[in-house]
PDB file of N, CA and C in Angstrom:
ATOM      1  N   UNK A   1       0.287  15.826 -18.065  1.00  0.00           N
ATOM      2  CA  UNK A   1       1.712  16.284 -17.369  1.00  0.00           C
ATOM      3  C   UNK A   1       3.052  15.769 -18.301  1.00  0.00           C
ATOM      4  N   UNK A   2       3.921  16.244 -18.157  1.00  0.00           N
ATOM      5  CA  UNK A   2       5.193  15.733 -18.592  1.00  0.00           C
ATOM      6  C   UNK A   2       6.415  14.982 -17.509  1.00  0.00           C
ATOM      7  N   UNK A   3       6.810  13.916 -17.671  1.00  0.00           N
ATOM      8  CA  UNK A   3       7.918  13.830 -16.520  1.00  0.00           C
ATOM      9  C   UNK A   3       9.348  13.759 -16.662  1.00  0.00           C
ATOM     10  N   UNK A   4      10.121  13.818 -15.897  1.00  0.00           N
ATOM     11  CA  UNK A   4      11.263  14.751 -16.360  1.00  0.00           C
ATOM     12  C   UNK A   4      11.986  13.698 -17.596  1.00  0.00           C
ATOM     13  N   UNK A   5      11.232  12.532 -18.001  1.00  0.00           N
ATOM     14  CA  UNK A   5      11.912  12.093 -19.502  1.00  0.00           C
ATOM     15  C   UNK A   5      11.178  12.750 -20.539  1.00  0.00           C
ATOM     16  N   UNK A   6      10.064  13.317 -20.702  1.00  0.00           N
ATOM     17  CA  UNK A   6       9.246  13.952 -21.421  1.00  0.00           C
ATOM     18  C   UNK A   6       8.077  12.983 -21.920  1.00  0.00           C
ATOM     19  N   UNK A   7       7.721  12.072 -20.597  1.00  0.00           N
ATOM     20  CA  UNK A   7       6.997  10.534 -21.067  1.00  0.00           C
ATOM     21  C   UNK A   7       5.512  11.449 -20.360  1.00  0.00           C
ATOM     22  N   UNK A   8       4.420  11.120 -21.195  1.00  0.00           N
ATOM     23  CA  UNK A   8       3.385  11.613 -20.580  1.00  0.00           C
ATOM     24  C   UNK A   8       2.544  10.828 -19.401  1.00  0.00           C
ATOM     25  N   UNK A   9       2.133  11.056 -18.593  1.00  0.00           N
ATOM     26  CA  UNK A   9       1.888  10.497 -17.397  1.00  0.00           C
ATOM     27  C   UNK A   9       0.187  11.405 -17.061  1.00  0.00           C
ATOM     28  N   UNK A  10      -0.574  10.497 -16.080  1.00  0.00           N
ATOM     29  CA  UNK A  10      -1.338  11.015 -15.344  1.00  0.00           C
ATOM     30  C   UNK A  10      -1.998  10.411 -14.178  1.00  0.00           C
ATOM     31  N   UNK A  11      -1.969  11.060 -12.996  1.00  0.00           N
ATOM     32  CA  UNK A  11      -2.734  10.567 -11.824  1.00  0.00           C
ATOM     33  C   UNK A  11      -4.073  10.645 -11.841  1.00  0.00           C
ATOM     34  N   UNK A  12      -4.693   9.696 -11.258  1.00  0.00           N
ATOM     35  CA  UNK A  12      -6.065  10.026 -11.172  1.00  0.00           C
ATOM     36  C   UNK A  12      -6.399   9.148 -10.024  1.00  0.00           C
ATOM     37  N   UNK A  13      -7.014   9.018  -8.972  1.00  0.00           N
ATOM     38  CA  UNK A  13      -8.187   8.520  -8.148  1.00  0.00           C
ATOM     39  C   UNK A  13      -6.925   7.451  -7.898  1.00  0.00           C
ATOM     40  N   UNK A  14      -5.921   7.746  -6.948  1.00  0.00           N
ATOM     41  CA  UNK A  14      -4.915   6.380  -6.656  1.00  0.00           C
ATOM     42  C   UNK A  14      -3.891   6.381  -7.619  1.00  0.00           C
ATOM     43  N   UNK A  15      -3.911   5.935  -8.973  1.00  0.00           N
ATOM     44  CA  UNK A  15      -3.797   5.379  -9.513  1.00  0.00           C
ATOM     45  C   UNK A  15      -2.405   6.493 -10.311  1.00  0.00           C
ATOM     46  N   UNK A  16      -1.319   6.034 -11.125  1.00  0.00           N
ATOM     47  CA  UNK A  16      -0.517   6.744 -11.940  1.00  0.00           C
ATOM     48  C   UNK A  16      -0.319   5.886 -13.413  1.00  0.00           C
ATOM     49  N   UNK A  17      -1.353   6.255 -14.090  1.00  0.00           N
ATOM     50  CA  UNK A  17      -0.596   6.531 -15.694  1.00  0.00           C
ATOM     51  C   UNK A  17       0.198   6.821 -16.371  1.00  0.00           C
ATOM     52  N   UNK A  18       0.880   6.105 -16.992  1.00  0.00           N
ATOM     53  CA  UNK A  18       2.167   6.398 -18.032  1.00  0.00           C
ATOM     54  C   UNK A  18       1.941   5.819 -19.035  1.00  0.00           C
ATOM     55  N   UNK A  19       0.559   5.481 -19.607  1.00  0.00           N
ATOM     56  CA  UNK A  19       0.409   5.039 -20.836  1.00  0.00           C
ATOM     57  C   UNK A  19       0.790   3.208 -21.478  1.00  0.00           C
ATOM     58  N   UNK A  20       1.763   2.848 -20.245  1.00  0.00           N
ATOM     59  CA  UNK A  20       1.970   1.895 -20.578  1.00  0.00           C
ATOM     60  C   UNK A  20       1.681   0.840 -19.129  1.00  0.00           C
ATOM     61  N   UNK A  21       2.308   1.238 -17.960  1.00  0.00           N
ATOM     62  CA  UNK A  21       1.965   0.868 -16.278  1.00  0.00           C
ATOM     63  C   UNK A  21       0.671   1.818 -15.777  1.00  0.00           C
ATOM     64  N   UNK A  22       0.368   0.899 -15.235  1.00  0.00           N
ATOM     65  CA  UNK A  22      -1.045   1.549 -14.194  1.00  0.00           C
ATOM     66  C   UNK A  22      -0.204   1.238 -12.469  1.00  0.00           C
ATOM     67  N   UNK A  23      -0.030   2.114 -12.247  1.00  0.00           N
ATOM     68  CA  UNK A  23       0.550   1.887 -10.577  1.00  0.00           C
ATOM     69  C   UNK A  23      -0.171   2.993  -9.513  1.00  0.00           C
ATOM     70  N   UNK A  24      -0.246   2.568  -8.264  1.00  0.00           N
ATOM     71  CA  UNK A  24      -0.358   3.405  -7.362  1.00  0.00           C
ATOM     72  C   UNK A  24       0.536   4.525  -7.356  1.00  0.00           C
ATOM     73  N   UNK A  25      -0.093   5.652  -6.891  1.00  0.00           N
ATOM     74  CA  UNK A  25       0.491   6.882  -6.046  1.00  0.00           C
ATOM     75  C   UNK A  25       1.370   7.197  -5.364  1.00  0.00           C
ATOM     76  N   UNK A  26       2.202   7.816  -5.039  1.00  0.00           N
ATOM     77  CA  UNK A  26       2.783   7.641  -3.501  1.00  0.00           C
ATOM     78  C   UNK A  26       2.141   8.193  -2.861  1.00  0.00           C
ATOM     79  N   UNK A  27       0.979   8.885  -2.847  1.00  0.00           N
ATOM     80  CA  UNK A  27       0.239   9.480  -1.480  1.00  0.00           C
ATOM     81  C   UNK A  27      -0.800   8.104  -1.388  1.00  0.00           C
ATOM     82  N   UNK A  28      -1.238   7.334  -1.998  1.00  0.00           N
ATOM     83  CA  UNK A  28      -1.874   6.302  -1.775  1.00  0.00           C
ATOM     84  C   UNK A  28      -1.018   5.362  -1.321  1.00  0.00           C
ATOM     85  N   UNK A  29      -0.002   4.910  -1.612  1.00  0.00           N
ATOM     86  CA  UNK A  29       0.920   3.897  -0.410  1.00  0.00           C
ATOM     87  C   UNK A  29       1.065   4.462   0.524  1.00  0.00           C
ATOM     88  N   UNK A  30       1.143   5.658   1.009  1.00  0.00           N
ATOM     89  CA  UNK A  30       1.792   6.245   1.909  1.00  0.00           C
ATOM     90  C   UNK A  30       0.121   6.334   2.933  1.00  0.00           C
ATOM     91  N   UNK A  31      -0.438   6.422   2.679  1.00  0.00           N
ATOM     92  CA  UNK A  31      -2.208   6.770   3.307  1.00  0.00           C
ATOM     93  C   UNK A  31      -2.172   5.058   3.622  1.00  0.00           C
ATOM     94  N   UNK A  32      -2.043   4.044   2.997  1.00  0.00           N
ATOM     95  CA  UNK A  32      -2.607   2.624   2.859  1.00  0.00           C
ATOM     96  C   UNK A  32      -0.927   1.945   4.446  1.00  0.00           C
ATOM     97  N   UNK A  33       0.387   2.167   4.173  1.00  0.00           N
ATOM     98  CA  UNK A  33       1.051   1.985   5.300  1.00  0.00           C
ATOM     99  C   UNK A  33       0.317   2.816   6.443  1.00  0.00           C
ATOM    100  N   UNK A  34       0.477   4.261   6.416  1.00  0.00           N
ATOM    101  CA  UNK A  34      -0.105   4.776   7.359  1.00  0.00           C
ATOM    102  C   UNK A  34      -0.862   4.449   8.140  1.00  0.00           C
ATOM    103  N   UNK A  35      -2.276   3.761   7.804  1.00  0.00           N
ATOM    104  CA  UNK A  35      -3.395   2.813   8.588  1.00  0.00           C
ATOM    105  C   UNK A  35      -2.775   1.719   8.530  1.00  0.00           C
ATOM    106  N   UNK A  36      -1.855   0.915   8.258  1.00  0.00           N
ATOM    107  CA  UNK A  36      -1.898  -0.520   8.919  1.00  0.00           C
ATOM    108  C   UNK A  36      -0.853  -0.136  10.073  1.00  0.00           C
ATOM    109  N   UNK A  37      -0.438   0.834   9.848  1.00  0.00           N
ATOM    110  CA  UNK A  37       0.594   1.187  11.236  1.00  0.00           C
ATOM    111  C   UNK A  37       0.138   1.892  12.638  1.00  0.00           C
ATOM    112  N   UNK A  38      -1.367   2.228  11.980  1.00  0.00           N
ATOM    113  CA  UNK A  38      -1.829   3.129  13.038  1.00  0.00           C
ATOM    114  C   UNK A  38      -3.004   1.781  13.384  1.00  0.00           C
ATOM    115  N   UNK A  39      -3.138   1.096  12.282  1.00  0.00           N
ATOM    116  CA  UNK A  39      -3.781  -0.238  13.524  1.00  0.00           C
ATOM    117  C   UNK A  39      -2.991  -1.338  14.301  1.00  0.00           C
ATOM    118  N   UNK A  40      -1.417  -1.276  14.131  1.00  0.00           N
ATOM    119  CA  UNK A  40      -0.884  -2.492  14.554  1.00  0.00           C
ATOM    120  C   UNK A  40      -0.280  -1.507  15.060  1.00  0.00           C
ATOM    121  N   UNK A  41      -0.606  -0.484  15.844  1.00  0.00           N
ATOM    122  CA  UNK A  41       0.543   0.037  17.365  1.00  0.00           C
ATOM    123  C   UNK A  41       1.092  -0.741  18.259  1.00  0.00           C
ATOM    124  N   UNK A  42       2.177  -0.534  18.831  1.00  0.00           N
ATOM    125  CA  UNK A  42       2.669  -1.467  19.742  1.00  0.00           C
ATOM    126  C   UNK A  42       1.841  -1.054  20.856  1.00  0.00           C
ATOM    127  N   UNK A  43       1.348   0.065  21.353  1.00  0.00           N
ATOM    128  CA  UNK A  43       0.997   0.353  22.390  1.00  0.00           C
ATOM    129  C   UNK A  43      -0.358  -0.364  23.013  1.00  0.00           C
ATOM    130  N   UNK A  44      -0.868  -0.839  21.966  1.00  0.00           N
ATOM    131  CA  UNK A  44      -2.193  -1.350  21.879  1.00  0.00           C
ATOM    132  C   UNK A  44      -2.309  -2.738  22.676  1.00  0.00           C
ATOM    133  N   UNK A  45      -3.235  -2.907  23.520  1.00  0.00           N
ATOM    134  CA  UNK A  45      -3.542  -4.166  24.846  1.00  0.00           C
ATOM    135  C   UNK A  45      -4.164  -4.645  23.984  1.00  0.00           C
ATOM    136  N   UNK A  46      -3.996  -5.612  22.301  1.00  0.00           N
ATOM    137  CA  UNK A  46      -4.671  -6.302  21.770  1.00  0.00           C
ATOM    138  C   UNK A  46      -4.789  -7.386  21.387  1.00  0.00           C
ATOM    139  N   UNK A  47      -5.219  -8.506  21.132  1.00  0.00           N
ATOM    140  CA  UNK A  47      -4.697  -9.632  20.982  1.00  0.00           C
ATOM    141  C   UNK A  47      -4.114  -9.846  20.096  1.00  0.00           C
ATOM    142  N   UNK A  48      -3.654 -11.122  19.402  1.00  0.00           N
ATOM    143  CA  UNK A  48      -3.574 -11.275  18.188  1.00  0.00           C
ATOM    144  C   UNK A  48      -4.585 -11.095  16.908  1.00  0.00           C
ATOM    145  N   UNK A  49      -5.788 -12.023  17.329  1.00  0.00           N
ATOM    146  CA  UNK A  49      -6.844 -12.027  16.373  1.00  0.00           C
ATOM    147  C   UNK A  49      -7.450 -10.980  16.406  1.00  0.00           C
ATOM    148  N   UNK A  50      -7.215  -9.988  17.329  1.00  0.00           N
ATOM    149  CA  UNK A  50      -8.296  -8.378  17.459  1.00  0.00           C
ATOM    150  C   UNK A  50      -7.220  -7.511  16.321  1.00  0.00           C
ATOM    151  N   UNK A  51      -6.139  -7.716  16.115  1.00  0.00           N
ATOM    152  CA  UNK A  51      -5.217  -6.664  15.757  1.00  0.00           C
ATOM    153  C   UNK A  51      -5.066  -7.713  13.943  1.00  0.00           C
ATOM    154  N   UNK A  52      -4.915  -8.841  13.525  1.00  0.00           N
ATOM    155  CA  UNK A  52      -5.905  -8.993  12.077  1.00  0.00           C
ATOM    156  C   UNK A  52      -7.034  -9.005  11.681  1.00  0.00           C
ATOM    157  N   UNK A  53      -7.861  -9.293  12.836  1.00  0.00           N
ATOM    158  CA  UNK A  53      -9.598  -8.799  12.448  1.00  0.00           C
ATOM    159  C   UNK A  53      -9.820  -7.322  12.010  1.00  0.00           C
ATOM    160  N   UNK A  54      -8.803  -6.196  12.608  1.00  0.00           N
ATOM    161  CA  UNK A  54      -8.949  -5.054  12.138  1.00  0.00           C
ATOM    162  C   UNK A  54      -8.121  -4.925  11.470  1.00  0.00           C
ATOM    163  N   UNK A  55      -7.250  -5.389  10.707  1.00  0.00           N
ATOM    164  CA  UNK A  55      -6.092  -5.207   9.456  1.00  0.00           C
ATOM    165  C   UNK A  55      -6.773  -5.630   7.808  1.00  0.00           C
ATOM    166  N   UNK A  56      -7.483  -6.999   8.631  1.00  0.00           N
ATOM    167  CA  UNK A  56      -8.333  -7.727   7.072  1.00  0.00           C
ATOM    168  C   UNK A  56      -8.829  -6.373   6.520  1.00  0.00           C
ATOM    169  N   UNK A  57      -9.787  -5.976   6.931  1.00  0.00           N
ATOM    170  CA  UNK A  57     -10.571  -5.151   5.907  1.00  0.00           C
ATOM    171  C   UNK A  57      -9.644  -3.936   5.446  1.00  0.00           C
ATOM    172  N   UNK A  58      -8.875  -3.780   5.682  1.00  0.00           N
ATOM    173  CA  UNK A  58      -8.182  -3.002   4.871  1.00  0.00           C
ATOM    174  C   UNK A  58      -6.949  -2.976   4.150  1.00  0.00           C
ATOM    175  N   UNK A  59      -6.625  -3.998   4.086  1.00  0.00           N
ATOM    176  CA  UNK A  59      -5.891  -4.967   3.175  1.00  0.00           C
ATOM    177  C   UNK A  59      -6.720  -5.939   1.966  1.00  0.00           C
ATOM    178  N   UNK A  60      -8.117  -5.988   2.511  1.00  0.00           N
ATOM    179  CA  UNK A  60      -8.759  -6.202   1.588  1.00  0.00           C
ATOM    180  C   UNK A  60      -9.115  -5.766   0.207  1.00  0.00           C
ATOM    181  N   UNK A  61      -9.398  -4.274   0.867  1.00  0.00           N
ATOM    182  CA  UNK A  61     -10.113  -3.210   0.114  1.00  0.00           C
ATOM    183  C   UNK A  61      -9.362  -2.747  -0.359  1.00  0.00           C
ATOM    184  N   UNK A  62      -7.768  -2.455   0.053  1.00  0.00           N
ATOM    185  CA  UNK A  62      -7.446  -1.857  -1.042  1.00  0.00           C
ATOM    186  C   UNK A  62      -6.511  -2.757  -2.046  1.00  0.00           C
ATOM    187  N   UNK A  63      -6.764  -4.015  -1.895  1.00  0.00           N
ATOM    188  CA  UNK A  63      -6.338  -5.039  -2.767  1.00  0.00           C
ATOM    189  C   UNK A  63      -7.420  -5.379  -4.196  1.00  0.00           C
ATOM    190  N   UNK A  64      -8.888  -5.068  -3.392  1.00  0.00           N
ATOM    191  CA  UNK A  64      -9.617  -4.934  -4.416  1.00  0.00           C
ATOM    192  C   UNK A  64      -9.857  -4.011  -5.124  1.00  0.00           C
ATOM    193  N   UNK A  65      -9.204  -2.541  -4.714  1.00  0.00           N
ATOM    194  CA  UNK A  65      -9.409  -1.553  -5.376  1.00  0.00           C
ATOM    195  C   UNK A  65      -8.251  -1.338  -6.139  1.00  0.00           C
ATOM    196  N   UNK A  66      -6.922  -2.044  -5.778  1.00  0.00           N
ATOM    197  CA  UNK A  66      -5.938  -1.492  -6.890  1.00  0.00           C
ATOM    198  C   UNK A  66      -5.792  -2.670  -7.249  1.00  0.00           C
ATOM    199  N   UNK A  67      -6.442  -4.005  -7.319  1.00  0.00           N
ATOM    200  CA  UNK A  67      -6.311  -5.318  -8.430  1.00  0.00           C
ATOM    201  C   UNK A  67      -5.594  -5.233  -9.794  1.00  0.00           C
ATOM    202  N   UNK A  68      -6.325  -3.923 -10.397  1.00  0.00           N
ATOM    203  CA  UNK A  68      -5.700  -3.436 -12.123  1.00  0.00           C
ATOM    204  C   UNK A  68      -4.470  -2.882 -11.498  1.00  0.00           C
ATOM    205  N   UNK A  69      -3.631  -2.365 -10.738  1.00  0.00           N
ATOM    206  CA  UNK A  69      -2.215  -1.711 -10.912  1.00  0.00           C
ATOM    207  C   UNK A  69      -1.497  -2.892 -10.468  1.00  0.00           C
ATOM    208  N   UNK A  70       0.100  -2.147 -10.465  1.00  0.00           N
ATOM    209  CA  UNK A  70       0.762  -2.680 -10.038  1.00  0.00           C
ATOM    210  C   UNK A  70       1.166  -2.135  -8.343  1.00  0.00           C
ATOM    211  N   UNK A  71       1.425  -3.235  -7.785  1.00  0.00           N
ATOM    212  CA  UNK A  71       0.722  -2.906  -6.070  1.00  0.00           C
ATOM    213  C   UNK A  71       2.360  -3.663  -5.558  1.00  0.00           C
ATOM    214  N   UNK A  72       3.601  -3.561  -6.152  1.00  0.00           N
ATOM    215  CA  UNK A  72       4.162  -4.336  -5.566  1.00  0.00           C
ATOM    216  C   UNK A  72       4.438  -3.441  -4.324  1.00  0.00           C
ATOM    217  N   UNK A  73       4.762  -2.336  -4.515  1.00  0.00           N
ATOM    218  CA  UNK A  73       4.938  -1.237  -3.172  1.00  0.00           C
ATOM    219  C   UNK A  73       4.343  -1.727  -1.973  1.00  0.00           C
ATOM    220  N   UNK A  74       3.186  -2.144  -2.051  1.00  0.00           N
ATOM    221  CA  UNK A  74       2.349  -2.674  -0.384  1.00  0.00           C
ATOM    222  C   UNK A  74       2.726  -3.864  -0.264  1.00  0.00           C
ATOM    223  N   UNK A  75       2.768  -4.915  -1.476  1.00  0.00           N
ATOM    224  CA  UNK A  75       3.011  -6.121  -1.247  1.00  0.00           C
ATOM    225  C   UNK A  75       4.616  -6.251  -0.253  1.00  0.00           C
ATOM    226  N   UNK A  76       5.333  -5.478  -0.233  1.00  0.00           N
ATOM    227  CA  UNK A  76       6.660  -5.531  -0.208  1.00  0.00           C
ATOM    228  C   UNK A  76       6.439  -4.677   1.062  1.00  0.00           C
ATOM    229  N   UNK A  77       5.808  -4.070   1.217  1.00  0.00           N
ATOM    230  CA  UNK A  77       5.953  -3.533   2.742  1.00  0.00           C
ATOM    231  C   UNK A  77       5.186  -4.503   3.481  1.00  0.00           C
ATOM    232  N   UNK A  78       4.024  -4.770   3.070  1.00  0.00           N
ATOM    233  CA  UNK A  78       3.422  -6.222   3.880  1.00  0.00           C
ATOM    234  C   UNK A  78       4.202  -7.010   4.601  1.00  0.00           C
ATOM    235  N   UNK A  79       5.046  -8.144   3.312  1.00  0.00           N
ATOM    236  CA  UNK A  79       6.044  -9.035   3.454  1.00  0.00           C
ATOM    237  C   UNK A  79       7.241  -8.777   4.181  1.00  0.00           C
ATOM    238  N   UNK A  80       7.936  -7.606   3.958  1.00  0.00           N
ATOM    239  CA  UNK A  80       8.932  -7.199   4.202  1.00  0.00           C
ATOM    240  C   UNK A  80       9.396  -5.937   5.078  1.00  0.00           C
ATOM    241  N   UNK A  81      10.089  -6.298   5.967  1.00  0.00           N
ATOM    242  CA  UNK A  81      10.662  -5.211   6.710  1.00  0.00           C
ATOM    243  C   UNK A  81      12.019  -4.266   6.101  1.00  0.00           C
ATOM    244  N   UNK A  82      12.629  -3.222   6.525  1.00  0.00           N
ATOM    245  CA  UNK A  82      12.694  -2.020   5.886  1.00  0.00           C
ATOM    246  C   UNK A  82      14.702  -2.684   5.830  1.00  0.00           C
ATOM    247  N   UNK A  83      15.285  -3.708   5.724  1.00  0.00           N
ATOM    248  CA  UNK A  83      16.033  -4.804   5.574  1.00  0.00           C
ATOM    249  C   UNK A  83      16.185  -5.439   4.967  1.00  0.00           C
ATOM    250  N   UNK A  84      14.975  -6.029   4.443  1.00  0.00           N
ATOM    251  CA  UNK A  84      14.457  -7.021   3.704  1.00  0.00           C
ATOM    252  C   UNK A  84      14.302  -8.426   4.148  1.00  0.00           C
ATOM    253  N   UNK A  85      14.347  -8.631   5.057  1.00  0.00           N
ATOM    254  CA  UNK A  85      13.922  -9.756   5.702  1.00  0.00           C
ATOM    255  C   UNK A  85      12.194  -9.847   6.303  1.00  0.00           C
ATOM    256  N   UNK A  86      12.063 -11.247   6.017  1.00  0.00           N
ATOM    257  CA  UNK A  86      10.295 -11.247   6.331  1.00  0.00           C
ATOM    258  C   UNK A  86       9.474 -10.260   7.589  1.00  0.00           C
ATOM    259  N   UNK A  87       8.532  -9.872   7.415  1.00  0.00           N
ATOM    260  CA  UNK A  87       8.165  -9.279   8.798  1.00  0.00           C
ATOM    261  C   UNK A  87       7.709 -10.159   9.440  1.00  0.00           C
ATOM    262  N   UNK A  88       7.243  -9.972  10.996  1.00  0.00           N
ATOM    263  CA  UNK A  88       7.358 -11.047  12.267  1.00  0.00           C
ATOM    264  C   UNK A  88       5.819  -9.961  12.816  1.00  0.00           C
ATOM    265  N   UNK A  89       4.487 -10.537  12.954  1.00  0.00           N
ATOM    266  CA  UNK A  89       3.338  -9.589  13.370  1.00  0.00           C
ATOM    267  C   UNK A  89       3.782  -9.978  15.291  1.00  0.00           C
TER     268      UNK A  89
END
């Protein structure tokens, strides 16, 4: 495939390859965000330890699978809110 700038790229198994960089596809990032948001809904009456225990495997699994790529979008999602401030749990 060719991008707008005439650079070859390929998307495969959640990775976006462009010859120089390997990063996550938008679909993989959206899926990760949706899973974390689902497990941390405010309507749940779970204590903090239970919520952390439920999201740890998701974060660890995603980190292990995508450890060879650039995961800036996921890191920023986990650490910062939309306005650039640190998230609070």
